[in-house]
Amino acid sequence: MFKVVLFFIIRRTYEIERIKGLLGRHTVLGIVGARQVGKTTLARDLLAGTSKPAAYFDLEDPQDLARLAARCSH
Protein backbone atom coordinates (compact mmCIF):
# COMPACT_ATOMS: atom_id res chain seq x y z
CA MET A 1 0.00 0.00 0.00
CA PHE A 2 1.29 3.45 -0.91
CA LYS A 3 0.80 6.49 1.19
CA VAL A 4 0.59 9.71 -0.78
CA VAL A 5 1.39 12.94 1.00
CA LEU A 6 0.41 16.13 -0.74
CA PHE A 7 2.03 19.43 0.07
CA PHE A 8 0.57 22.66 -1.16
CA ILE A 9 1.13 26.34 -0.71
CA ILE A 10 -1.80 28.48 0.27
CA ARG A 11 -1.56 31.78 -1.51
CA ARG A 12 -2.38 34.55 0.91
CA THR A 13 -3.00 37.34 -1.58
CA TYR A 14 -6.26 38.43 0.07
CA GLU A 15 -4.77 38.48 3.56
CA ILE A 16 -1.64 40.35 2.46
CA GLU A 17 -3.68 43.03 0.66
CA ARG A 18 -6.01 43.36 3.66
CA ILE A 19 -3.08 43.79 6.05
CA LYS A 20 -1.43 46.35 3.74
CA GLY A 21 -4.68 48.32 3.85
CA LEU A 22 -4.77 48.14 7.64
CA LEU A 23 -1.14 49.26 7.88
CA GLY A 24 -2.06 52.30 5.83
CA ARG A 25 -4.41 53.35 8.63
CA HIS A 26 -2.67 51.96 11.74
CA THR A 27 0.94 52.00 12.93
CA VAL A 28 0.68 48.82 15.01
CA LEU A 29 -0.82 45.55 13.84
CA GLY A 30 -0.91 42.17 15.53
CA ILE A 31 -1.44 38.88 13.73
CA VAL A 32 -2.92 36.41 16.18
CA GLY A 33 -4.51 33.02 15.77
CA ALA A 34 -4.25 29.33 16.49
CA ARG A 35 -0.87 27.60 16.44
CA GLN A 36 0.58 26.42 13.15
CA VAL A 37 -1.82 28.27 10.83
CA GLY A 38 0.85 30.39 9.11
CA LYS A 39 0.92 33.67 11.03
CA THR A 40 4.71 33.97 10.93
CA THR A 41 4.85 33.02 7.25
CA LEU A 42 2.18 35.59 6.49
CA ALA A 43 4.13 38.28 8.35
CA ARG A 44 7.39 37.37 6.60
CA ASP A 45 5.69 37.42 3.19
CA LEU A 46 4.25 40.82 3.98
CA LEU A 47 7.56 42.24 5.22
CA ALA A 48 9.45 40.93 2.20
CA GLY A 49 7.74 43.56 0.08
CA THR A 50 8.41 46.58 2.29
CA SER A 51 11.27 48.56 3.73
CA LYS A 52 9.26 49.75 6.74
CA PRO A 53 10.66 48.88 10.16
CA ALA A 54 8.97 45.98 11.92
CA ALA A 55 9.29 44.05 15.16
CA TYR A 56 8.36 40.41 15.73
CA PHE A 57 7.18 39.17 19.11
CA ASP A 58 6.37 35.56 20.01
CA LEU A 59 3.73 35.95 22.70
CA GLU A 60 4.61 32.53 24.12
CA ASP A 61 8.23 33.58 24.75
CA PRO A 62 8.76 35.32 28.13
CA GLN A 63 11.71 37.34 26.76
CA ASP A 64 9.63 38.59 23.84
CA LEU A 65 6.81 39.50 26.21
CA ALA A 66 9.27 41.54 28.26
CA ARG A 67 10.56 43.27 25.09
CA LEU A 68 6.99 44.06 24.05
CA ALA A 69 6.13 45.41 27.50
CA ALA A 70 9.24 47.62 27.41
CA ARG A 71 8.27 49.05 24.02
CA CYS A 72 4.69 49.68 25.13
CA SER A 73 5.76 51.57 28.25
CA HIS A 74 7.42 54.40 26.28
PDB file of N, CA and C in Angstrom:
ATOM      1  N   MET A   1       0.852  -1.168   0.000  1.00  0.00           N
ATOM      2  CA  MET A   1       0.000   0.000   0.000  1.00  0.00           C
ATOM      3  C   MET A   1       0.900   1.234   0.000  1.00  0.00           C
ATOM      4  N   PHE A   2       0.534   2.202  -0.817  1.00  0.00           N
ATOM      5  CA  PHE A   2       1.289   3.447  -0.914  1.00  0.00           C
ATOM      6  C   PHE A   2       0.577   4.551  -0.165  1.00  0.00           C
ATOM      7  N   LYS A   3       1.355   5.323   0.513  1.00  0.00           N
ATOM      8  CA  LYS A   3       0.799   6.495   1.187  1.00  0.00           C
ATOM      9  C   LYS A   3       1.246   7.724   0.397  1.00  0.00           C
ATOM     10  N   VAL A   4       0.289   8.516  -0.009  1.00  0.00           N
ATOM     11  CA  VAL A   4       0.590   9.715  -0.776  1.00  0.00           C
ATOM     12  C   VAL A   4       0.423  10.916   0.139  1.00  0.00           C
ATOM     13  N   VAL A   5       1.441  11.731   0.198  1.00  0.00           N
ATOM     14  CA  VAL A   5       1.391  12.944   0.996  1.00  0.00           C
ATOM     15  C   VAL A   5       1.445  14.119   0.034  1.00  0.00           C
ATOM     16  N   LEU A   6       0.465  14.967   0.125  1.00  0.00           N
ATOM     17  CA  LEU A   6       0.411  16.133  -0.745  1.00  0.00           C
ATOM     18  C   LEU A   6       0.783  17.377   0.041  1.00  0.00           C
ATOM     19  N   PHE A   7       1.657  18.151  -0.516  1.00  0.00           N
ATOM     20  CA  PHE A   7       2.026  19.431   0.070  1.00  0.00           C
ATOM     21  C   PHE A   7       1.534  20.518  -0.872  1.00  0.00           C
ATOM     22  N   PHE A   8       1.012  21.560  -0.317  1.00  0.00           N
ATOM     23  CA  PHE A   8       0.567  22.659  -1.159  1.00  0.00           C
ATOM     24  C   PHE A   8       0.826  23.972  -0.448  1.00  0.00           C
ATOM     25  N   ILE A   9       0.909  25.005  -1.241  1.00  0.00           N
ATOM     26  CA  ILE A   9       1.128  26.344  -0.706  1.00  0.00           C
ATOM     27  C   ILE A   9      -0.177  27.103  -0.819  1.00  0.00           C
ATOM     28  N   ILE A  10      -0.603  27.665   0.279  1.00  0.00           N
ATOM     29  CA  ILE A  10      -1.803  28.482   0.273  1.00  0.00           C
ATOM     30  C   ILE A  10      -1.379  29.902  -0.061  1.00  0.00           C
ATOM     31  N   ARG A  11      -1.875  30.402  -1.138  1.00  0.00           N
ATOM     32  CA  ARG A  11      -1.564  31.780  -1.508  1.00  0.00           C
ATOM     33  C   ARG A  11      -2.385  32.696  -0.616  1.00  0.00           C
ATOM     34  N   ARG A  12      -1.741  33.665  -0.066  1.00  0.00           N
ATOM     35  CA  ARG A  12      -2.383  34.554   0.905  1.00  0.00           C
ATOM     36  C   ARG A  12      -2.574  35.951   0.336  1.00  0.00           C
ATOM     37  N   THR A  13      -2.865  36.038  -0.930  1.00  0.00           N
ATOM     38  CA  THR A  13      -2.999  37.338  -1.580  1.00  0.00           C
ATOM     39  C   THR A  13      -4.031  38.209  -0.880  1.00  0.00           C
ATOM     40  N   TYR A  14      -5.204  37.646  -0.578  1.00  0.00           N
ATOM     41  CA  TYR A  14      -6.263  38.425   0.068  1.00  0.00           C
ATOM     42  C   TYR A  14      -5.787  38.955   1.415  1.00  0.00           C
ATOM     43  N   GLU A  15      -5.200  38.077   2.227  1.00  0.00           N
ATOM     44  CA  GLU A  15      -4.767  38.480   3.557  1.00  0.00           C
ATOM     45  C   GLU A  15      -3.679  39.545   3.492  1.00  0.00           C
ATOM     46  N   ILE A  16      -2.728  39.378   2.574  1.00  0.00           N
ATOM     47  CA  ILE A  16      -1.644  40.353   2.458  1.00  0.00           C
ATOM     48  C   ILE A  16      -2.192  41.716   2.050  1.00  0.00           C
ATOM     49  N   GLU A  17      -3.096  41.750   1.087  1.00  0.00           N
ATOM     50  CA  GLU A  17      -3.676  43.026   0.661  1.00  0.00           C
ATOM     51  C   GLU A  17      -4.492  43.658   1.785  1.00  0.00           C
ATOM     52  N   ARG A  18      -5.211  42.851   2.534  1.00  0.00           N
ATOM     53  CA  ARG A  18      -6.006  43.358   3.661  1.00  0.00           C
ATOM     54  C   ARG A  18      -5.095  43.968   4.726  1.00  0.00           C
ATOM     55  N   ILE A  19      -4.011  43.281   5.044  1.00  0.00           N
ATOM     56  CA  ILE A  19      -3.077  43.787   6.053  1.00  0.00           C
ATOM     57  C   ILE A  19      -2.411  45.068   5.564  1.00  0.00           C
ATOM     58  N   LYS A  20      -2.029  45.119   4.286  1.00  0.00           N
ATOM     59  CA  LYS A  20      -1.433  46.348   3.744  1.00  0.00           C
ATOM     60  C   LYS A  20      -2.396  47.519   3.902  1.00  0.00           C
ATOM     61  N   GLY A  21      -3.680  47.271   3.663  1.00  0.00           N
ATOM     62  CA  GLY A  21      -4.677  48.320   3.845  1.00  0.00           C
ATOM     63  C   GLY A  21      -4.772  48.765   5.291  1.00  0.00           C
ATOM     64  N   LEU A  22      -4.727  47.813   6.211  1.00  0.00           N
ATOM     65  CA  LEU A  22      -4.772  48.143   7.636  1.00  0.00           C
ATOM     66  C   LEU A  22      -3.536  48.929   8.061  1.00  0.00           C
ATOM     67  N   LEU A  23      -2.376  48.555   7.533  1.00  0.00           N
ATOM     68  CA  LEU A  23      -1.143  49.265   7.882  1.00  0.00           C
ATOM     69  C   LEU A  23      -1.139  50.687   7.345  1.00  0.00           C
ATOM     70  N   GLY A  24      -1.932  50.943   6.330  1.00  0.00           N
ATOM     71  CA  GLY A  24      -2.060  52.301   5.831  1.00  0.00           C
ATOM     72  C   GLY A  24      -2.816  53.201   6.790  1.00  0.00           C
ATOM     73  N   ARG A  25      -3.606  52.589   7.675  1.00  0.00           N
ATOM     74  CA  ARG A  25      -4.411  53.352   8.633  1.00  0.00           C
ATOM     75  C   ARG A  25      -3.925  53.229  10.070  1.00  0.00           C
ATOM     76  N   HIS A  26      -3.116  52.218  10.368  1.00  0.00           N
ATOM     77  CA  HIS A  26      -2.668  51.955  11.742  1.00  0.00           C
ATOM     78  C   HIS A  26      -1.153  51.762  11.757  1.00  0.00           C
ATOM     79  N   THR A  27      -0.514  52.170  12.840  1.00  0.00           N
ATOM     80  CA  THR A  27       0.937  51.996  12.933  1.00  0.00           C
ATOM     81  C   THR A  27       1.327  50.682  13.600  1.00  0.00           C
ATOM     82  N   VAL A  28       0.405  50.080  14.331  1.00  0.00           N
ATOM     83  CA  VAL A  28       0.679  48.815  15.008  1.00  0.00           C
ATOM     84  C   VAL A  28      -0.368  47.802  14.575  1.00  0.00           C
ATOM     85  N   LEU A  29       0.090  46.612  14.261  1.00  0.00           N
ATOM     86  CA  LEU A  29      -0.815  45.554  13.838  1.00  0.00           C
ATOM     87  C   LEU A  29      -0.335  44.243  14.428  1.00  0.00           C
ATOM     88  N   GLY A  30      -1.234  43.493  15.010  1.00  0.00           N
ATOM     89  CA  GLY A  30      -0.905  42.171  15.532  1.00  0.00           C
ATOM     90  C   GLY A  30      -1.581  41.110  14.694  1.00  0.00           C
ATOM     91  N   ILE A  31      -0.869  40.036  14.425  1.00  0.00           N
ATOM     92  CA  ILE A  31      -1.442  38.883  13.730  1.00  0.00           C
ATOM     93  C   ILE A  31      -1.527  37.776  14.758  1.00  0.00           C
ATOM     94  N   VAL A  32      -2.727  37.439  15.151  1.00  0.00           N
ATOM     95  CA  VAL A  32      -2.923  36.415  16.176  1.00  0.00           C
ATOM     96  C   VAL A  32      -3.820  35.315  15.623  1.00  0.00           C
ATOM     97  N   GLY A  33      -3.682  34.138  16.194  1.00  0.00           N
ATOM     98  CA  GLY A  33      -4.508  33.017  15.765  1.00  0.00           C
ATOM     99  C   GLY A  33      -3.986  31.731  16.366  1.00  0.00           C
ATOM    100  N   ALA A  34      -4.618  30.653  15.983  1.00  0.00           N
ATOM    101  CA  ALA A  34      -4.245  29.332  16.485  1.00  0.00           C
ATOM    102  C   ALA A  34      -2.816  28.992  16.054  1.00  0.00           C
ATOM    103  N   ARG A  35      -2.229  28.050  16.757  1.00  0.00           N
ATOM    104  CA  ARG A  35      -0.873  27.603  16.436  1.00  0.00           C
ATOM    105  C   ARG A  35      -0.842  26.937  15.062  1.00  0.00           C
ATOM    106  N   GLN A  36       0.277  27.136  14.388  1.00  0.00           N
ATOM    107  CA  GLN A  36       0.577  26.420  13.146  1.00  0.00           C
ATOM    108  C   GLN A  36      -0.368  26.721  11.983  1.00  0.00           C
ATOM    109  N   VAL A  37      -0.930  27.929  11.946  1.00  0.00           N
ATOM    110  CA  VAL A  37      -1.817  28.273  10.828  1.00  0.00           C
ATOM    111  C   VAL A  37      -1.146  29.197   9.815  1.00  0.00           C
ATOM    112  N   GLY A  38       0.103  29.606  10.076  1.00  0.00           N
ATOM    113  CA  GLY A  38       0.846  30.392   9.107  1.00  0.00           C
ATOM    114  C   GLY A  38       0.980  31.871   9.410  1.00  0.00           C
ATOM    115  N   LYS A  39       0.820  32.247  10.671  1.00  0.00           N
ATOM    116  CA  LYS A  39       0.922  33.671  11.035  1.00  0.00           C
ATOM    117  C   LYS A  39       2.317  34.224  10.745  1.00  0.00           C
ATOM    118  N   THR A  40       3.342  33.507  11.136  1.00  0.00           N
ATOM    119  CA  THR A  40       4.710  33.974  10.928  1.00  0.00           C
ATOM    120  C   THR A  40       5.037  34.027   9.441  1.00  0.00           C
ATOM    121  N   THR A  41       4.627  33.022   8.699  1.00  0.00           N
ATOM    122  CA  THR A  41       4.855  33.015   7.254  1.00  0.00           C
ATOM    123  C   THR A  41       4.148  34.187   6.598  1.00  0.00           C
ATOM    124  N   LEU A  42       2.933  34.454   7.016  1.00  0.00           N
ATOM    125  CA  LEU A  42       2.181  35.589   6.487  1.00  0.00           C
ATOM    126  C   LEU A  42       2.918  36.897   6.766  1.00  0.00           C
ATOM    127  N   ALA A  43       3.400  37.066   7.989  1.00  0.00           N
ATOM    128  CA  ALA A  43       4.130  38.284   8.350  1.00  0.00           C
ATOM    129  C   ALA A  43       5.415  38.413   7.538  1.00  0.00           C
ATOM    130  N   ARG A  44       6.148  37.328   7.383  1.00  0.00           N
ATOM    131  CA  ARG A  44       7.390  37.371   6.601  1.00  0.00           C
ATOM    132  C   ARG A  44       7.113  37.703   5.143  1.00  0.00           C
ATOM    133  N   ASP A  45       6.063  37.112   4.578  1.00  0.00           N
ATOM    134  CA  ASP A  45       5.693  37.419   3.193  1.00  0.00           C
ATOM    135  C   ASP A  45       5.344  38.893   3.051  1.00  0.00           C
ATOM    136  N   LEU A  46       4.643  39.414   4.014  1.00  0.00           N
ATOM    137  CA  LEU A  46       4.251  40.818   3.984  1.00  0.00           C
ATOM    138  C   LEU A  46       5.476  41.729   4.088  1.00  0.00           C
ATOM    139  N   LEU A  47       6.378  41.403   4.999  1.00  0.00           N
ATOM    140  CA  LEU A  47       7.558  42.241   5.220  1.00  0.00           C
ATOM    141  C   LEU A  47       8.559  42.156   4.079  1.00  0.00           C
ATOM    142  N   ALA A  48       8.519  41.078   3.317  1.00  0.00           N
ATOM    143  CA  ALA A  48       9.450  40.927   2.196  1.00  0.00           C
ATOM    144  C   ALA A  48       9.229  42.005   1.143  1.00  0.00           C
ATOM    145  N   GLY A  49       8.037  42.558   1.089  1.00  0.00           N
ATOM    146  CA  GLY A  49       7.741  43.563   0.080  1.00  0.00           C
ATOM    147  C   GLY A  49       7.778  44.989   0.588  1.00  0.00           C
ATOM    148  N   THR A  50       8.387  45.230   1.733  1.00  0.00           N
ATOM    149  CA  THR A  50       8.407  46.578   2.289  1.00  0.00           C
ATOM    150  C   THR A  50       9.757  46.883   2.927  1.00  0.00           C
ATOM    151  N   SER A  51      10.046  48.158   3.040  1.00  0.00           N
ATOM    152  CA  SER A  51      11.271  48.563   3.733  1.00  0.00           C
ATOM    153  C   SER A  51      10.942  49.206   5.077  1.00  0.00           C
ATOM    154  N   LYS A  52       9.668  49.165   5.461  1.00  0.00           N
ATOM    155  CA  LYS A  52       9.263  49.755   6.736  1.00  0.00           C
ATOM    156  C   LYS A  52       9.820  48.940   7.895  1.00  0.00           C
ATOM    157  N   PRO A  53      10.157  49.613   8.995  1.00  0.00           N
ATOM    158  CA  PRO A  53      10.659  48.877  10.161  1.00  0.00           C
ATOM    159  C   PRO A  53       9.552  48.020  10.766  1.00  0.00           C
ATOM    160  N   ALA A  54       9.944  46.890  11.311  1.00  0.00           N
ATOM    161  CA  ALA A  54       8.974  45.985  11.920  1.00  0.00           C
ATOM    162  C   ALA A  54       9.624  45.262  13.087  1.00  0.00           C
ATOM    163  N   ALA A  55       8.806  44.832  14.016  1.00  0.00           N
ATOM    164  CA  ALA A  55       9.288  44.047  15.155  1.00  0.00           C
ATOM    165  C   ALA A  55       8.430  42.799  15.261  1.00  0.00           C
ATOM    166  N   TYR A  56       9.058  41.686  15.586  1.00  0.00           N
ATOM    167  CA  TYR A  56       8.360  40.411  15.729  1.00  0.00           C
ATOM    168  C   TYR A  56       8.408  40.002  17.190  1.00  0.00           C
ATOM    169  N   PHE A  57       7.259  39.626  17.727  1.00  0.00           N
ATOM    170  CA  PHE A  57       7.176  39.169  19.111  1.00  0.00           C
ATOM    171  C   PHE A  57       6.428  37.850  19.156  1.00  0.00           C
ATOM    172  N   ASP A  58       7.033  36.843  19.766  1.00  0.00           N
ATOM    173  CA  ASP A  58       6.373  35.562  20.009  1.00  0.00           C
ATOM    174  C   ASP A  58       5.736  35.668  21.386  1.00  0.00           C
ATOM    175  N   LEU A  59       4.424  35.717  21.436  1.00  0.00           N
ATOM    176  CA  LEU A  59       3.732  35.948  22.704  1.00  0.00           C
ATOM    177  C   LEU A  59       3.802  34.767  23.664  1.00  0.00           C
ATOM    178  N   GLU A  60       4.398  33.664  23.223  1.00  0.00           N
ATOM    179  CA  GLU A  60       4.613  32.530  24.122  1.00  0.00           C
ATOM    180  C   GLU A  60       6.028  32.533  24.698  1.00  0.00           C
ATOM    181  N   ASP A  61       6.846  33.481  24.286  1.00  0.00           N
ATOM    182  CA  ASP A  61       8.229  33.580  24.749  1.00  0.00           C
ATOM    183  C   ASP A  61       8.326  34.673  25.809  1.00  0.00           C
ATOM    184  N   PRO A  62       8.688  34.324  27.052  1.00  0.00           N
ATOM    185  CA  PRO A  62       8.764  35.322  28.128  1.00  0.00           C
ATOM    186  C   PRO A  62       9.692  36.499  27.801  1.00  0.00           C
ATOM    187  N   GLN A  63      10.799  36.242  27.119  1.00  0.00           N
ATOM    188  CA  GLN A  63      11.712  37.336  26.760  1.00  0.00           C
ATOM    189  C   GLN A  63      11.054  38.286  25.757  1.00  0.00           C
ATOM    190  N   ASP A  64      10.329  37.733  24.802  1.00  0.00           N
ATOM    191  CA  ASP A  64       9.628  38.585  23.840  1.00  0.00           C
ATOM    192  C   ASP A  64       8.523  39.382  24.519  1.00  0.00           C
ATOM    193  N   LEU A  65       7.836  38.771  25.464  1.00  0.00           N
ATOM    194  CA  LEU A  65       6.806  39.502  26.206  1.00  0.00           C
ATOM    195  C   LEU A  65       7.416  40.673  26.969  1.00  0.00           C
ATOM    196  N   ALA A  66       8.590  40.459  27.545  1.00  0.00           N
ATOM    197  CA  ALA A  66       9.275  41.542  28.258  1.00  0.00           C
ATOM    198  C   ALA A  66       9.692  42.648  27.287  1.00  0.00           C
ATOM    199  N   ARG A  67      10.194  42.273  26.108  1.00  0.00           N
ATOM    200  CA  ARG A  67      10.562  43.270  25.087  1.00  0.00           C
ATOM    201  C   ARG A  67       9.345  44.075  24.658  1.00  0.00           C
ATOM    202  N   LEU A  68       8.222  43.386  24.460  1.00  0.00           N
ATOM    203  CA  LEU A  68       6.993  44.062  24.052  1.00  0.00           C
ATOM    204  C   LEU A  68       6.517  45.015  25.140  1.00  0.00           C
ATOM    205  N   ALA A  69       6.554  44.563  26.383  1.00  0.00           N
ATOM    206  CA  ALA A  69       6.134  45.413  27.500  1.00  0.00           C
ATOM    207  C   ALA A  69       7.019  46.655  27.590  1.00  0.00           C
ATOM    208  N   ALA A  70       8.317  46.478  27.365  1.00  0.00           N
ATOM    209  CA  ALA A  70       9.240  47.616  27.415  1.00  0.00           C
ATOM    210  C   ALA A  70       8.927  48.624  26.314  1.00  0.00           C
ATOM    211  N   ARG A  71       8.605  48.143  25.132  1.00  0.00           N
ATOM    212  CA  ARG A  71       8.273  49.049  24.022  1.00  0.00           C
ATOM    213  C   ARG A  71       6.953  49.768  24.268  1.00  0.00           C
ATOM    214  N   CYS A  72       6.013  49.086  24.895  1.00  0.00           N
ATOM    215  CA  CYS A  72       4.691  49.682  25.130  1.00  0.00           C
ATOM    216  C   CYS A  72       4.714  50.709  26.254  1.00  0.00           C
ATOM    217  N   SER A  73       5.724  50.654  27.106  1.00  0.00           N
ATOM    218  CA  SER A  73       5.764  51.566  28.248  1.00  0.00           C
ATOM    219  C   SER A  73       6.355  52.926  27.900  1.00  0.00           C
ATOM    220  N   HIS A  74       6.819  53.110  26.688  1.00  0.00           N
ATOM    221  CA  HIS A  74       7.419  54.397  26.285  1.00  0.00           C
ATOM    222  C   HIS A  74       6.369  55.353  25.818  1.00  0.00           C
TER     223      HIS A  74
END
